[in-house]
Amino acid sequence: MRQLTVTIPDEYYDNLIQFLKPIPDAIIDTREDEYNRSIEKMVLERIKNAKPEDYVDAGESLNKLKVKYGF
């Protein structure tokens, strides 16, 4: 069995789903919370190996961006 990921315009979605439903072994997963497990693994590894000095205060960074770009 093969897996297929498709990105299509919204107006074609219902027609495509109706086309695929009659296929006996088709599994239609309509969740929109897709993510790449390899990216998750990489991020978790970075968090695990990060030192306290690697972190930047979010408020401070936002203020620097506001000053730099005039937001």
N, C-alpha and C. Protein backbone atom coordinates (compact mmCIF):
# COMPACT_ATOMS: atom_id res chain seq x y z
N MET A 1 0.85 -1.17 0.00
CA MET A 1 0.00 0.00 0.00
C MET A 1 0.90 1.24 0.00
N ARG A 2 0.48 2.28 -0.66
CA ARG A 2 1.24 3.52 -0.74
C ARG A 2 0.50 4.64 -0.04
N GLN A 3 1.27 5.65 0.36
CA GLN A 3 0.68 6.80 1.03
C GLN A 3 0.82 8.00 0.11
N LEU A 4 -0.20 8.85 0.11
CA LEU A 4 -0.24 10.00 -0.78
C LEU A 4 -0.64 11.24 0.01
N THR A 5 0.09 12.31 -0.17
CA THR A 5 -0.27 13.60 0.43
C THR A 5 -0.56 14.55 -0.71
N VAL A 6 -1.71 15.20 -0.66
CA VAL A 6 -2.13 16.06 -1.76
C VAL A 6 -2.49 17.44 -1.23
N THR A 7 -2.03 18.46 -1.92
CA THR A 7 -2.44 19.83 -1.60
C THR A 7 -3.22 20.34 -2.80
N ILE A 8 -4.49 20.64 -2.57
CA ILE A 8 -5.36 21.08 -3.66
C ILE A 8 -6.17 22.29 -3.21
N PRO A 9 -6.70 23.05 -4.17
CA PRO A 9 -7.56 24.18 -3.80
C PRO A 9 -8.82 23.68 -3.08
N ASP A 10 -9.34 24.51 -2.20
CA ASP A 10 -10.51 24.14 -1.39
C ASP A 10 -11.70 23.71 -2.24
N GLU A 11 -11.89 24.34 -3.38
CA GLU A 11 -13.09 24.03 -4.18
C GLU A 11 -13.06 22.61 -4.77
N TYR A 12 -11.90 21.96 -4.81
CA TYR A 12 -11.80 20.59 -5.34
C TYR A 12 -11.83 19.53 -4.24
N TYR A 13 -11.75 19.95 -2.98
CA TYR A 13 -11.62 19.01 -1.87
C TYR A 13 -12.77 18.01 -1.79
N ASP A 14 -13.99 18.49 -1.76
CA ASP A 14 -15.15 17.59 -1.61
C ASP A 14 -15.23 16.58 -2.75
N ASN A 15 -14.98 17.03 -3.97
CA ASN A 15 -15.03 16.11 -5.12
C ASN A 15 -13.96 15.03 -5.00
N LEU A 16 -12.76 15.41 -4.58
CA LEU A 16 -11.69 14.42 -4.45
C LEU A 16 -12.01 13.41 -3.36
N ILE A 17 -12.53 13.87 -2.23
CA ILE A 17 -12.88 12.96 -1.14
C ILE A 17 -13.97 11.98 -1.60
N GLN A 18 -14.98 12.47 -2.30
CA GLN A 18 -16.04 11.60 -2.81
C GLN A 18 -15.49 10.58 -3.81
N PHE A 19 -14.49 10.97 -4.58
CA PHE A 19 -13.87 10.07 -5.54
C PHE A 19 -13.09 8.96 -4.83
N LEU A 20 -12.43 9.30 -3.72
CA LEU A 20 -11.58 8.33 -3.03
C LEU A 20 -12.34 7.39 -2.09
N LYS A 21 -13.48 7.81 -1.58
CA LYS A 21 -14.23 7.01 -0.60
C LYS A 21 -14.57 5.59 -1.07
N PRO A 22 -14.96 5.36 -2.32
CA PRO A 22 -15.31 4.00 -2.73
C PRO A 22 -14.14 3.02 -2.79
N ILE A 23 -12.92 3.50 -2.76
CA ILE A 23 -11.76 2.60 -2.81
C ILE A 23 -11.74 1.81 -1.50
N PRO A 24 -11.80 0.46 -1.58
CA PRO A 24 -11.98 -0.36 -0.38
C PRO A 24 -10.95 -0.13 0.73
N ASP A 25 -9.69 -0.07 0.41
CA ASP A 25 -8.67 0.04 1.45
C ASP A 25 -8.20 1.47 1.69
N ALA A 26 -8.88 2.44 1.10
CA ALA A 26 -8.46 3.83 1.26
C ALA A 26 -8.75 4.33 2.67
N ILE A 27 -7.76 4.95 3.25
CA ILE A 27 -7.91 5.58 4.57
C ILE A 27 -7.81 7.08 4.33
N ILE A 28 -8.87 7.78 4.60
CA ILE A 28 -8.90 9.22 4.36
C ILE A 28 -8.75 9.92 5.70
N ASP A 29 -7.61 10.56 5.86
CA ASP A 29 -7.30 11.26 7.10
C ASP A 29 -7.44 12.75 6.83
N THR A 30 -8.42 13.38 7.43
CA THR A 30 -8.69 14.80 7.15
C THR A 30 -8.13 15.72 8.24
N ARG A 31 -7.30 15.19 9.12
CA ARG A 31 -6.71 16.03 10.16
C ARG A 31 -5.83 17.10 9.51
N GLU A 32 -5.82 18.25 10.11
CA GLU A 32 -5.01 19.35 9.58
C GLU A 32 -3.81 19.63 10.47
N ASP A 33 -3.55 18.75 11.41
CA ASP A 33 -2.44 18.97 12.34
C ASP A 33 -1.20 18.18 11.92
N GLU A 34 -0.91 18.19 10.64
CA GLU A 34 0.22 17.45 10.13
C GLU A 34 1.53 18.10 10.57
N TYR A 35 2.50 17.29 10.82
CA TYR A 35 3.83 17.78 11.10
C TYR A 35 4.81 16.68 10.74
N ASN A 36 6.01 17.08 10.55
CA ASN A 36 7.05 16.15 10.15
C ASN A 36 7.74 15.62 11.41
N ARG A 37 7.71 14.33 11.61
CA ARG A 37 8.30 13.74 12.82
C ARG A 37 9.81 13.97 12.87
N SER A 38 10.47 14.04 11.74
CA SER A 38 11.92 14.28 11.76
C SER A 38 12.22 15.69 12.25
N ILE A 39 11.36 16.65 11.92
CA ILE A 39 11.54 18.01 12.42
C ILE A 39 11.29 18.03 13.93
N GLU A 40 10.26 17.32 14.38
CA GLU A 40 9.98 17.25 15.82
C GLU A 40 11.19 16.67 16.56
N LYS A 41 11.76 15.61 16.02
CA LYS A 41 12.93 14.98 16.64
C LYS A 41 14.09 15.96 16.71
N MET A 42 14.32 16.71 15.63
CA MET A 42 15.41 17.68 15.59
C MET A 42 15.19 18.78 16.63
N VAL A 43 13.97 19.30 16.73
CA VAL A 43 13.68 20.37 17.69
C VAL A 43 13.86 19.86 19.12
N LEU A 44 13.36 18.67 19.42
CA LEU A 44 13.52 18.12 20.76
C LEU A 44 14.99 17.92 21.12
N GLU A 45 15.78 17.51 20.15
CA GLU A 45 17.22 17.34 20.37
C GLU A 45 17.88 18.69 20.65
N ARG A 46 17.49 19.72 19.91
CA ARG A 46 18.04 21.06 20.15
C ARG A 46 17.67 21.56 21.54
N ILE A 47 16.43 21.33 21.96
CA ILE A 47 15.99 21.77 23.29
C ILE A 47 16.79 21.04 24.36
N LYS A 48 17.00 19.76 24.16
CA LYS A 48 17.73 18.96 25.14
C LYS A 48 19.18 19.45 25.28
N ASN A 49 19.80 19.83 24.16
CA ASN A 49 21.21 20.23 24.17
C ASN A 49 21.43 21.72 24.41
N ALA A 50 20.37 22.50 24.51
CA ALA A 50 20.51 23.95 24.64
C ALA A 50 21.01 24.33 26.03
N LYS A 51 21.83 25.37 26.06
CA LYS A 51 22.32 25.92 27.32
C LYS A 51 21.46 27.13 27.66
N PRO A 52 21.39 27.51 28.92
CA PRO A 52 20.58 28.68 29.31
C PRO A 52 20.96 29.94 28.54
N GLU A 53 22.23 30.12 28.24
CA GLU A 53 22.65 31.32 27.51
C GLU A 53 22.22 31.31 26.03
N ASP A 54 21.75 30.16 25.54
CA ASP A 54 21.26 30.08 24.16
C ASP A 54 19.86 30.68 24.02
N TYR A 55 19.14 30.80 25.13
CA TYR A 55 17.78 31.31 25.08
C TYR A 55 17.77 32.83 25.10
N VAL A 56 16.80 33.41 24.41
CA VAL A 56 16.65 34.86 24.33
C VAL A 56 15.26 35.21 24.87
N ASP A 57 15.18 36.26 25.68
CA ASP A 57 13.90 36.71 26.21
C ASP A 57 13.01 37.21 25.07
N ALA A 58 11.79 36.70 24.99
CA ALA A 58 10.88 37.05 23.90
C ALA A 58 10.53 38.53 23.90
N GLY A 59 10.25 39.09 25.07
CA GLY A 59 9.90 40.51 25.16
C GLY A 59 11.04 41.41 24.72
N GLU A 60 12.23 41.04 25.16
CA GLU A 60 13.42 41.82 24.77
C GLU A 60 13.64 41.75 23.26
N SER A 61 13.49 40.57 22.69
CA SER A 61 13.65 40.42 21.24
C SER A 61 12.61 41.22 20.48
N LEU A 62 11.38 41.21 20.96
CA LEU A 62 10.32 41.97 20.31
C LEU A 62 10.62 43.46 20.35
N ASN A 63 11.10 43.94 21.48
CA ASN A 63 11.45 45.36 21.59
C ASN A 63 12.58 45.73 20.63
N LYS A 64 13.58 44.85 20.50
CA LYS A 64 14.68 45.11 19.56
C LYS A 64 14.16 45.19 18.13
N LEU A 65 13.23 44.29 17.77
CA LEU A 65 12.65 44.31 16.43
C LEU A 65 11.85 45.59 16.19
N LYS A 66 11.10 46.01 17.21
CA LYS A 66 10.32 47.25 17.08
C LYS A 66 11.22 48.44 16.85
N VAL A 67 12.33 48.51 17.59
CA VAL A 67 13.28 49.62 17.43
C VAL A 67 13.95 49.55 16.06
N LYS A 68 14.37 48.35 15.68
CA LYS A 68 15.11 48.20 14.42
C LYS A 68 14.23 48.48 13.20
N TYR A 69 12.99 47.98 13.21
CA TYR A 69 12.14 48.09 12.03
C TYR A 69 11.00 49.08 12.18
N GLY A 70 10.90 49.74 13.31
CA GLY A 70 9.91 50.78 13.50
C GLY A 70 8.48 50.30 13.58
N PHE A 71 8.27 49.16 14.18
CA PHE A 71 6.89 48.65 14.34
C PHE A 71 6.16 49.42 15.39
